[in-house]
Amino acid sequence: MRRTGLSELNAVVAVAAHRSFRKAAAELDISPSALSHAIATLEQRLGLRLFNRTTRSVSLSEAGASFLARVQPALHEITAAMEGANDFRDTPSGTLRLNTSEGGARMILAPLLLEFLRRYPDMQVDLVTEGRLVDIVKEGFDAGFRLAEAVPLDMIAVPCTLPLRFAVVGSPAYFKGRKPPKTPQDLLSHACIRSRLPSGALFKWEFEKDGRKLDLDVVGRLTLDNDNLRIAAALEGEGLTWTSEWPVAQHIAEGRLLRVLEDWTPPYPGLCLYYPGHRLVPAGLQALIGLVREKMTLSSARTAPF
């Protein structure tokens, strides 16, 4: 019997994790048909059906679950051994799979990830952006970047920005002939550009002052699910938008947007790099963590996000 290779075992792990040949193939960077053929060949060689397949679902068979329970720890040991060998190189190599939001990606791409690639030419970065908070372990990521409040409690978090703030902004054209709001309740008489969350729910604008917190369901004719689009609409005078301070700071500084209710938007903990503490930290991730800490030391001296 021909020996089974690591690629076939990794294929089993990926399909079991995603319960989908298409998603597992995307993770492994092969075609779904090639992945299906690899699994079928392995099943034929073992004389076992590892997965129950229908047109709508994929699930482990009883034999597949037993096989995976024995194979997965061994694969973790092999991965750890390979990462351990990587520690003896002058520079780390390999691929870091990272997950963050679109806004988080804009903050970290140039000052952090591109700098990381320049410093470590043998490393590759695979960055996936999505609005929803994913299980980075289950979905095969080495680490993620999210706001500190969103980082799961069982993860190790490393701050990578100084505290941030939200801002309510509108264009000079919008405010022409209108009184700026003095309190959040005043927003109910303004045109607001509403936000739709990845879950489909409408986002309530969040405010805080002197320990008092307020979540406001604003009104407006335009609802968008993308921060860039909301800012673009605000620049066109469509109404007020609630957004992170970072992407609108230049617009505010140059007068294209005017900020209101600043006393109702106190600082909050910023973006964190986070990763599972129960795993061996790959050499590439160790290097990225070191760069984050270096950047944070410099940022603290300049009092800037990066």
C-alpha atoms as a PDB file:
ATOM      1  CA  MET A   1       0.000   0.000   0.000  1.00  0.00           C
ATOM      2  CA  ARG A   2       1.364   3.406  -1.000  1.00  0.00           C
ATOM      3  CA  ARG A   3       2.196   5.589   1.996  1.00  0.00           C
ATOM      4  CA  THR A   4      -0.129   8.441   2.840  1.00  0.00           C
ATOM      5  CA  GLY A   5       1.425  11.904   2.565  1.00  0.00           C
ATOM      6  CA  LEU A   6       1.055  14.944   4.789  1.00  0.00           C
ATOM      7  CA  SER A   7      -0.899  16.747   2.063  1.00  0.00           C
ATOM      8  CA  GLU A   8      -3.639  14.105   2.192  1.00  0.00           C
ATOM      9  CA  LEU A   9      -3.823  14.237   5.988  1.00  0.00           C
ATOM     10  CA  ASN A  10      -3.979  18.033   5.915  1.00  0.00           C
ATOM     11  CA  ALA A  11      -6.782  17.707   3.382  1.00  0.00           C
ATOM     12  CA  VAL A  12      -8.798  15.587   5.847  1.00  0.00           C
ATOM     13  CA  VAL A  13      -8.247  18.155   8.604  1.00  0.00           C
ATOM     14  CA  ALA A  14      -9.294  21.050   6.345  1.00  0.00           C
ATOM     15  CA  VAL A  15     -12.482  19.376   5.113  1.00  0.00           C
ATOM     16  CA  ALA A  16     -13.410  18.383   8.674  1.00  0.00           C
ATOM     17  CA  ALA A  17     -12.863  21.954   9.902  1.00  0.00           C
ATOM     18  CA  HIS A  18     -14.826  23.662   7.139  1.00  0.00           C
ATOM     19  CA  ARG A  19     -17.397  20.910   6.433  1.00  0.00           C
ATOM     20  CA  SER A  20     -17.056  22.047   2.856  1.00  0.00           C
ATOM     21  CA  PHE A  21     -14.804  20.865   0.029  1.00  0.00           C
ATOM     22  CA  ARG A  22     -14.947  24.301  -1.606  1.00  0.00           C
ATOM     23  CA  LYS A  23     -13.814  26.213   1.505  1.00  0.00           C
ATOM     24  CA  ALA A  24     -11.183  23.601   2.371  1.00  0.00           C
ATOM     25  CA  ALA A  25      -9.821  23.733  -1.187  1.00  0.00           C
ATOM     26  CA  ALA A  26      -9.565  27.513  -0.959  1.00  0.00           C
ATOM     27  CA  GLU A  27      -7.568  27.199   2.281  1.00  0.00           C
ATOM     28  CA  LEU A  28      -5.237  24.611   0.743  1.00  0.00           C
ATOM     29  CA  ASP A  29      -4.977  26.552  -2.542  1.00  0.00           C
ATOM     30  CA  ILE A  30      -6.060  23.638  -4.720  1.00  0.00           C
ATOM     31  CA  SER A  31      -9.164  23.016  -6.808  1.00  0.00           C
ATOM     32  CA  PRO A  32     -12.241  21.387  -5.188  1.00  0.00           C
ATOM     33  CA  SER A  33     -12.044  18.522  -7.701  1.00  0.00           C
ATOM     34  CA  ALA A  34      -8.395  17.829  -6.807  1.00  0.00           C
ATOM     35  CA  LEU A  35      -9.271  17.858  -3.116  1.00  0.00           C
ATOM     36  CA  SER A  36     -12.235  15.534  -3.633  1.00  0.00           C
ATOM     37  CA  HIS A  37     -10.018  13.160  -5.613  1.00  0.00           C
ATOM     38  CA  ALA A  38      -7.353  13.173  -2.858  1.00  0.00           C
ATOM     39  CA  ILE A  39      -9.926  12.334  -0.173  1.00  0.00           C
ATOM     40  CA  ALA A  40     -11.526   9.620  -2.319  1.00  0.00           C
ATOM     41  CA  THR A  41      -8.112   8.076  -3.043  1.00  0.00           C
ATOM     42  CA  LEU A  42      -7.246   8.068   0.674  1.00  0.00           C
ATOM     43  CA  GLU A  43     -10.610   6.495   1.556  1.00  0.00           C
ATOM     44  CA  GLN A  44     -10.036   3.797  -1.060  1.00  0.00           C
ATOM     45  CA  ARG A  45      -6.554   3.109   0.279  1.00  0.00           C
ATOM     46  CA  LEU A  46      -7.811   2.863   3.880  1.00  0.00           C
ATOM     47  CA  GLY A  47     -10.919   0.932   2.951  1.00  0.00           C
ATOM     48  CA  LEU A  48     -12.985   3.412   5.015  1.00  0.00           C
ATOM     49  CA  ARG A  49     -15.425   6.202   4.298  1.00  0.00           C
ATOM     50  CA  LEU A  50     -14.076   9.216   6.181  1.00  0.00           C
ATOM     51  CA  PHE A  51     -16.851  11.644   5.211  1.00  0.00           C
ATOM     52  CA  ASN A  52     -20.578  11.410   4.666  1.00  0.00           C
ATOM     53  CA  ARG A  53     -21.428  13.530   1.638  1.00  0.00           C
ATOM     54  CA  THR A  54     -24.721  14.865   0.333  1.00  0.00           C
ATOM     55  CA  THR A  55     -25.391  17.595  -2.197  1.00  0.00           C
ATOM     56  CA  ARG A  56     -25.831  20.039   0.701  1.00  0.00           C
ATOM     57  CA  SER A  57     -23.508  18.903   3.481  1.00  0.00           C
ATOM     58  CA  VAL A  58     -20.258  17.194   4.399  1.00  0.00           C
ATOM     59  CA  SER A  59     -19.718  15.545   7.790  1.00  0.00           C
ATOM     60  CA  LEU A  60     -17.264  13.125   9.360  1.00  0.00           C
ATOM     61  CA  SER A  61     -18.278   9.493   9.487  1.00  0.00           C
ATOM     62  CA  GLU A  62     -17.732   7.574  12.721  1.00  0.00           C
ATOM     63  CA  ALA A  63     -14.564   6.076  11.237  1.00  0.00           C
ATOM     64  CA  GLY A  64     -13.500   9.527  10.015  1.00  0.00           C
ATOM     65  CA  ALA A  65     -13.923  11.069  13.454  1.00  0.00           C
ATOM     66  CA  SER A  66     -11.818   8.313  15.010  1.00  0.00           C
ATOM     67  CA  PHE A  67      -9.149   8.674  12.305  1.00  0.00           C
ATOM     68  CA  LEU A  68      -9.029  12.472  12.724  1.00  0.00           C
ATOM     69  CA  ALA A  69      -8.743  12.214  16.519  1.00  0.00           C
ATOM     70  CA  ARG A  70      -5.505  10.224  16.108  1.00  0.00           C
ATOM     71  CA  VAL A  71      -4.073  12.082  13.121  1.00  0.00           C
ATOM     72  CA  GLN A  72      -4.638  15.697  14.212  1.00  0.00           C
ATOM     73  CA  PRO A  73      -2.356  15.658  17.303  1.00  0.00           C
ATOM     74  CA  ALA A  74       0.399  14.099  15.210  1.00  0.00           C
ATOM     75  CA  LEU A  75       0.050  16.814  12.582  1.00  0.00           C
ATOM     76  CA  HIS A  76       0.287  19.458  15.299  1.00  0.00           C
ATOM     77  CA  GLU A  77       3.541  17.859  16.495  1.00  0.00           C
ATOM     78  CA  ILE A  78       4.949  17.812  12.971  1.00  0.00           C
ATOM     79  CA  THR A  79       4.004  21.474  12.474  1.00  0.00           C
ATOM     80  CA  ALA A  80       5.622  22.364  15.803  1.00  0.00           C
ATOM     81  CA  ALA A  81       8.792  20.519  14.825  1.00  0.00           C
ATOM     82  CA  MET A  82       8.969  22.379  11.517  1.00  0.00           C
ATOM     83  CA  GLU A  83       8.405  25.712  13.252  1.00  0.00           C
ATOM     84  CA  GLY A  84      11.051  24.794  15.809  1.00  0.00           C
ATOM     85  CA  ALA A  85      13.527  24.138  13.012  1.00  0.00           C
ATOM     86  CA  ASN A  86      12.605  27.520  11.547  1.00  0.00           C
ATOM     87  CA  ASP A  87      13.823  29.164  14.760  1.00  0.00           C
ATOM     88  CA  PHE A  88      17.397  28.202  13.819  1.00  0.00           C
ATOM     89  CA  ARG A  89      17.252  30.214  10.597  1.00  0.00           C
ATOM     90  CA  ASP A  90      18.710  33.705  10.481  1.00  0.00           C
ATOM     91  CA  THR A  91      15.309  35.000   9.383  1.00  0.00           C
ATOM     92  CA  PRO A  92      11.860  33.354   9.676  1.00  0.00           C
ATOM     93  CA  SER A  93      10.144  31.937   6.616  1.00  0.00           C
ATOM     94  CA  GLY A  94       6.706  30.665   5.746  1.00  0.00           C
ATOM     95  CA  THR A  95       3.201  32.120   5.556  1.00  0.00           C
ATOM     96  CA  LEU A  96       1.243  34.033   8.194  1.00  0.00           C
ATOM     97  CA  ARG A  97      -2.545  33.808   7.760  1.00  0.00           C
ATOM     98  CA  LEU A  98      -4.150  36.838   9.406  1.00  0.00           C
ATOM     99  CA  ASN A  99      -7.750  37.968   9.840  1.00  0.00           C
ATOM    100  CA  THR A 100      -9.136  41.451  10.490  1.00  0.00           C
ATOM    101  CA  SER A 101     -11.858  43.894   9.503  1.00  0.00           C
ATOM    102  CA  GLU A 102     -11.577  46.135   6.451  1.00  0.00           C
ATOM    103  CA  GLY A 103     -11.008  49.172   8.669  1.00  0.00           C
ATOM    104  CA  GLY A 104      -8.389  47.349  10.697  1.00  0.00           C
ATOM    105  CA  ALA A 105      -6.593  46.326   7.498  1.00  0.00           C
ATOM    106  CA  ARG A 106      -6.341  49.943   6.384  1.00  0.00           C
ATOM    107  CA  MET A 107      -4.739  50.862   9.701  1.00  0.00           C
ATOM    108  CA  ILE A 108      -2.132  48.104   9.782  1.00  0.00           C
ATOM    109  CA  LEU A 109      -1.290  47.484   6.115  1.00  0.00           C
ATOM    110  CA  ALA A 110       1.309  50.178   5.358  1.00  0.00           C
ATOM    111  CA  PRO A 111       2.857  50.849   8.771  1.00  0.00           C
ATOM    112  CA  LEU A 112       2.946  47.255   9.973  1.00  0.00           C
ATOM    113  CA  LEU A 113       2.440  44.465   7.430  1.00  0.00           C
ATOM    114  CA  LEU A 114       4.359  46.025   4.542  1.00  0.00           C
ATOM    115  CA  GLU A 115       7.176  46.887   6.930  1.00  0.00           C
ATOM    116  CA  PHE A 116       7.111  43.277   8.152  1.00  0.00           C
ATOM    117  CA  LEU A 117       7.501  41.983   4.582  1.00  0.00           C
ATOM    118  CA  ARG A 118      10.387  44.369   3.944  1.00  0.00           C
ATOM    119  CA  ARG A 119      12.210  43.158   7.046  1.00  0.00           C
ATOM    120  CA  TYR A 120      11.566  39.451   6.494  1.00  0.00           C
ATOM    121  CA  PRO A 121      11.836  38.698   2.764  1.00  0.00           C
ATOM    122  CA  ASP A 122      11.298  34.955   3.284  1.00  0.00           C
ATOM    123  CA  MET A 123       7.885  35.522   4.892  1.00  0.00           C
ATOM    124  CA  GLN A 124       4.514  35.715   3.148  1.00  0.00           C
ATOM    125  CA  VAL A 125       1.346  37.322   4.555  1.00  0.00           C
ATOM    126  CA  ASP A 126      -2.169  36.149   3.659  1.00  0.00           C
ATOM    127  CA  LEU A 127      -4.585  38.764   5.055  1.00  0.00           C
ATOM    128  CA  VAL A 128      -8.340  38.099   4.990  1.00  0.00           C
ATOM    129  CA  THR A 129     -10.773  40.945   5.772  1.00  0.00           C
ATOM    130  CA  GLU A 130     -14.359  40.452   6.886  1.00  0.00           C
ATOM    131  CA  GLY A 131     -16.821  42.244   9.122  1.00  0.00           C
ATOM    132  CA  ARG A 132     -17.803  39.258  11.218  1.00  0.00           C
ATOM    133  CA  LEU A 133     -15.644  38.071  14.108  1.00  0.00           C
ATOM    134  CA  VAL A 134     -14.359  34.600  13.226  1.00  0.00           C
ATOM    135  CA  ASP A 135     -12.872  31.764  15.255  1.00  0.00           C
ATOM    136  CA  ILE A 136      -9.274  32.138  14.073  1.00  0.00           C
ATOM    137  CA  VAL A 137      -8.270  28.688  15.358  1.00  0.00           C
ATOM    138  CA  LYS A 138     -11.161  26.854  13.691  1.00  0.00           C
ATOM    139  CA  GLU A 139     -10.693  28.722  10.406  1.00  0.00           C
ATOM    140  CA  GLY A 140      -6.943  28.206  10.224  1.00  0.00           C
ATOM    141  CA  PHE A 141      -5.552  31.668  10.974  1.00  0.00           C
ATOM    142  CA  ASP A 142      -2.325  32.267  12.884  1.00  0.00           C
ATOM    143  CA  ALA A 143      -3.556  35.529  14.384  1.00  0.00           C
ATOM    144  CA  GLY A 144      -6.123  38.303  14.067  1.00  0.00           C
ATOM    145  CA  PHE A 145      -6.434  42.057  14.504  1.00  0.00           C
ATOM    146  CA  ARG A 146      -9.545  43.426  16.236  1.00  0.00           C
ATOM    147  CA  LEU A 147     -10.569  46.115  18.686  1.00  0.00           C
ATOM    148  CA  ALA A 148      -9.557  45.152  22.215  1.00  0.00           C
ATOM    149  CA  GLU A 149     -13.187  44.786  23.318  1.00  0.00           C
ATOM    150  CA  ALA A 150     -13.819  42.185  20.600  1.00  0.00           C
ATOM    151  CA  VAL A 151     -10.822  39.931  21.337  1.00  0.00           C
ATOM    152  CA  PRO A 152     -11.963  36.576  22.815  1.00  0.00           C
ATOM    153  CA  LEU A 153     -10.995  36.142  26.466  1.00  0.00           C
ATOM    154  CA  ASP A 154      -9.015  32.950  25.809  1.00  0.00           C
ATOM    155  CA  MET A 155      -6.636  34.737  23.419  1.00  0.00           C
ATOM    156  CA  ILE A 156      -3.377  36.578  24.081  1.00  0.00           C
ATOM    157  CA  ALA A 157      -3.799  40.222  23.013  1.00  0.00           C
ATOM    158  CA  VAL A 158      -0.980  42.610  22.110  1.00  0.00           C
ATOM    159  CA  PRO A 159      -2.034  46.280  21.655  1.00  0.00           C
ATOM    160  CA  CYS A 160      -0.964  47.592  18.271  1.00  0.00           C
ATOM    161  CA  THR A 161      -2.480  51.092  18.304  1.00  0.00           C
ATOM    162  CA  LEU A 162      -2.906  53.758  20.933  1.00  0.00           C
ATOM    163  CA  PRO A 163      -6.466  54.395  22.198  1.00  0.00           C
ATOM    164  CA  LEU A 164      -8.852  55.441  19.433  1.00  0.00           C
ATOM    165  CA  ARG A 165     -12.008  57.559  19.299  1.00  0.00           C
ATOM    166  CA  PHE A 166     -15.181  57.618  17.278  1.00  0.00           C
ATOM    167  CA  ALA A 167     -16.399  60.778  15.571  1.00  0.00           C
ATOM    168  CA  VAL A 168     -19.672  62.200  14.257  1.00  0.00           C
ATOM    169  CA  VAL A 169     -18.956  64.227  11.119  1.00  0.00           C
ATOM    170  CA  GLY A 170     -20.709  66.052   8.317  1.00  0.00           C
ATOM    171  CA  SER A 171     -19.669  68.289   5.440  1.00  0.00           C
ATOM    172  CA  PRO A 172     -19.758  72.099   5.519  1.00  0.00           C
ATOM    173  CA  ALA A 173     -22.421  71.916   2.797  1.00  0.00           C
ATOM    174  CA  TYR A 174     -24.628  69.771   5.031  1.00  0.00           C
ATOM    175  CA  PHE A 175     -24.317  72.173   7.965  1.00  0.00           C
ATOM    176  CA  LYS A 176     -25.157  75.231   5.849  1.00  0.00           C
ATOM    177  CA  GLY A 177     -28.406  76.529   7.310  1.00  0.00           C
ATOM    178  CA  ARG A 178     -28.503  73.814   9.992  1.00  0.00           C
ATOM    179  CA  LYS A 179     -27.634  74.034  13.680  1.00  0.00           C
ATOM    180  CA  PRO A 180     -24.965  71.506  14.735  1.00  0.00           C
ATOM    181  CA  PRO A 181     -26.217  68.995  17.332  1.00  0.00           C
ATOM    182  CA  LYS A 182     -25.215  69.763  20.921  1.00  0.00           C
ATOM    183  CA  THR A 183     -26.414  66.467  22.425  1.00  0.00           C
ATOM    184  CA  PRO A 184     -26.936  63.010  20.900  1.00  0.00           C
ATOM    185  CA  GLN A 185     -30.727  63.474  21.115  1.00  0.00           C
ATOM    186  CA  ASP A 186     -30.388  66.421  18.710  1.00  0.00           C
ATOM    187  CA  LEU A 187     -29.389  63.910  16.034  1.00  0.00           C
ATOM    188  CA  LEU A 188     -33.020  62.824  15.798  1.00  0.00           C
ATOM    189  CA  SER A 189     -33.718  66.053  13.887  1.00  0.00           C
ATOM    190  CA  HIS A 190     -30.775  65.521  11.516  1.00  0.00           C
ATOM    191  CA  ALA A 191     -30.258  63.342   8.446  1.00  0.00           C
ATOM    192  CA  CYS A 192     -28.005  60.495   9.557  1.00  0.00           C
ATOM    193  CA  ILE A 193     -26.319  57.923   7.349  1.00  0.00           C
ATOM    194  CA  ARG A 194     -27.255  54.661   9.049  1.00  0.00           C
ATOM    195  CA  SER A 195     -24.975  51.635   9.445  1.00  0.00           C
ATOM    196  CA  ARG A 196     -25.909  48.027   8.772  1.00  0.00           C
ATOM    197  CA  LEU A 197     -23.857  45.397  10.629  1.00  0.00           C
ATOM    198  CA  PRO A 198     -22.622  42.117   9.061  1.00  0.00           C
ATOM    199  CA  SER A 199     -25.424  40.373  10.981  1.00  0.00           C
ATOM    200  CA  GLY A 200     -27.974  42.488   9.112  1.00  0.00           C
ATOM    201  CA  ALA A 201     -28.990  44.501  12.167  1.00  0.00           C
ATOM    202  CA  LEU A 202     -28.941  48.300  12.151  1.00  0.00           C
ATOM    203  CA  PHE A 203     -26.193  49.771  14.315  1.00  0.00           C
ATOM    204  CA  LYS A 204     -27.107  52.145  17.133  1.00  0.00           C
ATOM    205  CA  TRP A 205     -24.688  55.055  17.489  1.00  0.00           C
ATOM    206  CA  GLU A 206     -22.784  54.850  20.784  1.00  0.00           C
ATOM    207  CA  PHE A 207     -22.051  57.821  23.037  1.00  0.00           C
ATOM    208  CA  GLU A 208     -20.654  58.380  26.519  1.00  0.00           C
ATOM    209  CA  LYS A 209     -20.163  61.442  28.734  1.00  0.00           C
ATOM    210  CA  ASP A 210     -19.441  61.743  32.471  1.00  0.00           C
ATOM    211  CA  GLY A 211     -20.069  58.019  32.935  1.00  0.00           C
ATOM    212  CA  ARG A 212     -23.420  58.130  31.141  1.00  0.00           C
ATOM    213  CA  LYS A 213     -23.732  55.803  28.157  1.00  0.00           C
ATOM    214  CA  LEU A 214     -26.286  56.205  25.382  1.00  0.00           C
ATOM    215  CA  ASP A 215     -27.062  54.044  22.357  1.00  0.00           C
ATOM    216  CA  LEU A 216     -29.120  55.979  19.825  1.00  0.00           C
ATOM    217  CA  ASP A 217     -31.195  54.586  16.958  1.00  0.00           C
ATOM    218  CA  VAL A 218     -30.707  57.466  14.525  1.00  0.00           C
ATOM    219  CA  VAL A 219     -32.941  58.265  11.568  1.00  0.00           C
ATOM    220  CA  GLY A 220     -32.017  58.807   7.937  1.00  0.00           C
ATOM    221  CA  ARG A 221     -32.933  57.866   4.382  1.00  0.00           C
ATOM    222  CA  LEU A 222     -29.592  56.237   3.507  1.00  0.00           C
ATOM    223  CA  THR A 223     -28.316  52.988   5.055  1.00  0.00           C
ATOM    224  CA  LEU A 224     -24.911  51.555   4.083  1.00  0.00           C
ATOM    225  CA  ASP A 225     -22.890  48.552   5.233  1.00  0.00           C
ATOM    226  CA  ASN A 226     -19.432  49.948   4.432  1.00  0.00           C
ATOM    227  CA  ASP A 227     -17.544  52.640   6.316  1.00  0.00           C
ATOM    228  CA  ASN A 228     -15.842  54.006   3.191  1.00  0.00           C
ATOM    229  CA  LEU A 229     -19.218  54.474   1.533  1.00  0.00           C
ATOM    230  CA  ARG A 230     -20.638  56.227   4.600  1.00  0.00           C
ATOM    231  CA  ILE A 231     -17.697  58.646   4.669  1.00  0.00           C
ATOM    232  CA  ALA A 232     -18.055  59.269   0.923  1.00  0.00           C
ATOM    233  CA  ALA A 233     -21.754  60.042   1.382  1.00  0.00           C
ATOM    234  CA  ALA A 234     -20.975  62.429   4.243  1.00  0.00           C
ATOM    235  CA  LEU A 235     -18.413  64.225   2.070  1.00  0.00           C
ATOM    236  CA  GLU A 236     -21.134  64.675  -0.547  1.00  0.00           C
ATOM    237  CA  GLY A 237     -23.368  66.389   2.043  1.00  0.00           C
ATOM    238  CA  GLU A 238     -25.884  63.557   2.373  1.00  0.00           C
ATOM    239  CA  GLY A 239     -25.870  63.718   6.176  1.00  0.00           C
ATOM    240  CA  LEU A 240     -23.963  62.924   9.335  1.00  0.00           C
ATOM    241  CA  THR A 241     -22.048  59.703   9.850  1.00  0.00           C
ATOM    242  CA  TRP A 242     -20.598  57.967  12.925  1.00  0.00           C
ATOM    243  CA  THR A 243     -17.187  56.458  12.270  1.00  0.00           C
ATOM    244  CA  SER A 244     -13.772  55.790  13.716  1.00  0.00           C
ATOM    245  CA  GLU A 245     -11.725  58.966  14.005  1.00  0.00           C
ATOM    246  CA  TRP A 246      -8.780  57.481  12.110  1.00  0.00           C
ATOM    247  CA  PRO A 247     -10.180  57.377   8.521  1.00  0.00           C
ATOM    248  CA  VAL A 248     -11.664  60.894   8.739  1.00  0.00           C
ATOM    249  CA  ALA A 249      -8.823  62.679  10.579  1.00  0.00           C
ATOM    250  CA  GLN A 250      -7.345  64.128   7.373  1.00  0.00           C
ATOM    251  CA  HIS A 251     -10.760  65.258   6.116  1.00  0.00           C
ATOM    252  CA  ILE A 252     -11.356  67.031   9.444  1.00  0.00           C
ATOM    253  CA  ALA A 253      -7.906  68.633   9.435  1.00  0.00           C
ATOM    254  CA  GLU A 254      -8.435  69.978   5.907  1.00  0.00           C
ATOM    255  CA  GLY A 255     -11.989  71.193   6.525  1.00  0.00           C
ATOM    256  CA  ARG A 256     -13.826  68.775   4.242  1.00  0.00           C
ATOM    257  CA  LEU A 257     -15.668  67.366   7.255  1.00  0.00           C
ATOM    258  CA  LEU A 258     -16.749  69.094  10.458  1.00  0.00           C
ATOM    259  CA  ARG A 259     -16.830  67.215  13.744  1.00  0.00           C
ATOM    260  CA  VAL A 260     -19.666  67.489  16.289  1.00  0.00           C
ATOM    261  CA  LEU A 261     -20.434  65.952  19.685  1.00  0.00           C
ATOM    262  CA  GLU A 262     -16.725  65.504  20.383  1.00  0.00           C
ATOM    263  CA  ASP A 263     -17.365  65.648  24.136  1.00  0.00           C
ATOM    264  CA  TRP A 264     -19.625  62.590  23.756  1.00  0.00           C
ATOM    265  CA  THR A 265     -16.947  60.382  22.128  1.00  0.00           C
ATOM    266  CA  PRO A 266     -14.246  59.541  24.705  1.00  0.00           C
ATOM    267  CA  PRO A 267     -11.202  57.377  23.860  1.00  0.00           C
ATOM    268  CA  TYR A 268     -11.526  53.587  23.870  1.00  0.00           C
ATOM    269  CA  PRO A 269      -8.894  50.794  23.706  1.00  0.00           C
ATOM    270  CA  GLY A 270      -7.582  50.451  20.182  1.00  0.00           C
ATOM    271  CA  LEU A 271      -6.633  47.626  17.853  1.00  0.00           C
ATOM    272  CA  CYS A 272      -4.918  44.475  19.164  1.00  0.00           C
ATOM    273  CA  LEU A 273      -3.014  41.649  17.545  1.00  0.00           C
ATOM    274  CA  TYR A 274      -4.317  38.441  19.123  1.00  0.00           C
ATOM    275  CA  TYR A 275      -3.450  34.756  18.902  1.00  0.00           C
ATOM    276  CA  PRO A 276      -4.119  31.489  20.804  1.00  0.00           C
ATOM    277  CA  GLY A 277      -1.945  30.999  23.858  1.00  0.00           C
ATOM    278  CA  HIS A 278      -2.148  27.203  23.903  1.00  0.00           C
ATOM    279  CA  ARG A 279      -0.185  26.765  20.667  1.00  0.00           C
ATOM    280  CA  LEU A 280       3.501  27.046  19.846  1.00  0.00           C
ATOM    281  CA  VAL A 281       3.994  30.555  18.452  1.00  0.00           C
ATOM    282  CA  PRO A 282       5.546  30.282  14.949  1.00  0.00           C
ATOM    283  CA  ALA A 283       8.789  32.147  14.349  1.00  0.00           C
ATOM    284  CA  GLY A 284       7.082  34.422  11.813  1.00  0.00           C
ATOM    285  CA  LEU A 285       4.378  35.384  14.297  1.00  0.00           C
ATOM    286  CA  GLN A 286       7.014  35.987  16.972  1.00  0.00           C
ATOM    287  CA  ALA A 287       8.718  38.394  14.558  1.00  0.00           C
ATOM    288  CA  LEU A 288       5.418  40.189  13.864  1.00  0.00           C
ATOM    289  CA  ILE A 289       4.713  40.518  17.604  1.00  0.00           C
ATOM    290  CA  GLY A 290       8.194  42.008  18.076  1.00  0.00           C
ATOM    291  CA  LEU A 291       7.523  44.540  15.314  1.00  0.00           C
ATOM    292  CA  VAL A 292       4.154  45.484  16.864  1.00  0.00           C
ATOM    293  CA  ARG A 293       5.804  46.144  20.218  1.00  0.00           C
ATOM    294  CA  GLU A 294       8.548  48.187  18.560  1.00  0.00           C
ATOM    295  CA  LYS A 295       5.965  50.294  16.705  1.00  0.00           C
ATOM    296  CA  MET A 296       3.950  50.800  19.898  1.00  0.00           C
ATOM    297  CA  THR A 297       7.028  52.106  21.722  1.00  0.00           C
ATOM    298  CA  LEU A 298       7.599  54.649  18.942  1.00  0.00           C
ATOM    299  CA  SER A 299       3.894  55.541  18.776  1.00  0.00           C
ATOM    300  CA  SER A 300       3.744  56.232  22.511  1.00  0.00           C
ATOM    301  CA  ALA A 301       6.579  58.701  22.110  1.00  0.00           C
ATOM    302  CA  ARG A 302       4.770  60.447  19.224  1.00  0.00           C
ATOM    303  CA  THR A 303       1.204  60.013  20.647  1.00  0.00           C
ATOM    304  CA  ALA A 304       0.046  58.822  17.201  1.00  0.00           C
ATOM    305  CA  PRO A 305      -1.835  55.589  16.306  1.00  0.00           C
ATOM    306  CA  PHE A 306       1.324  54.221  14.579  1.00  0.00           C
END
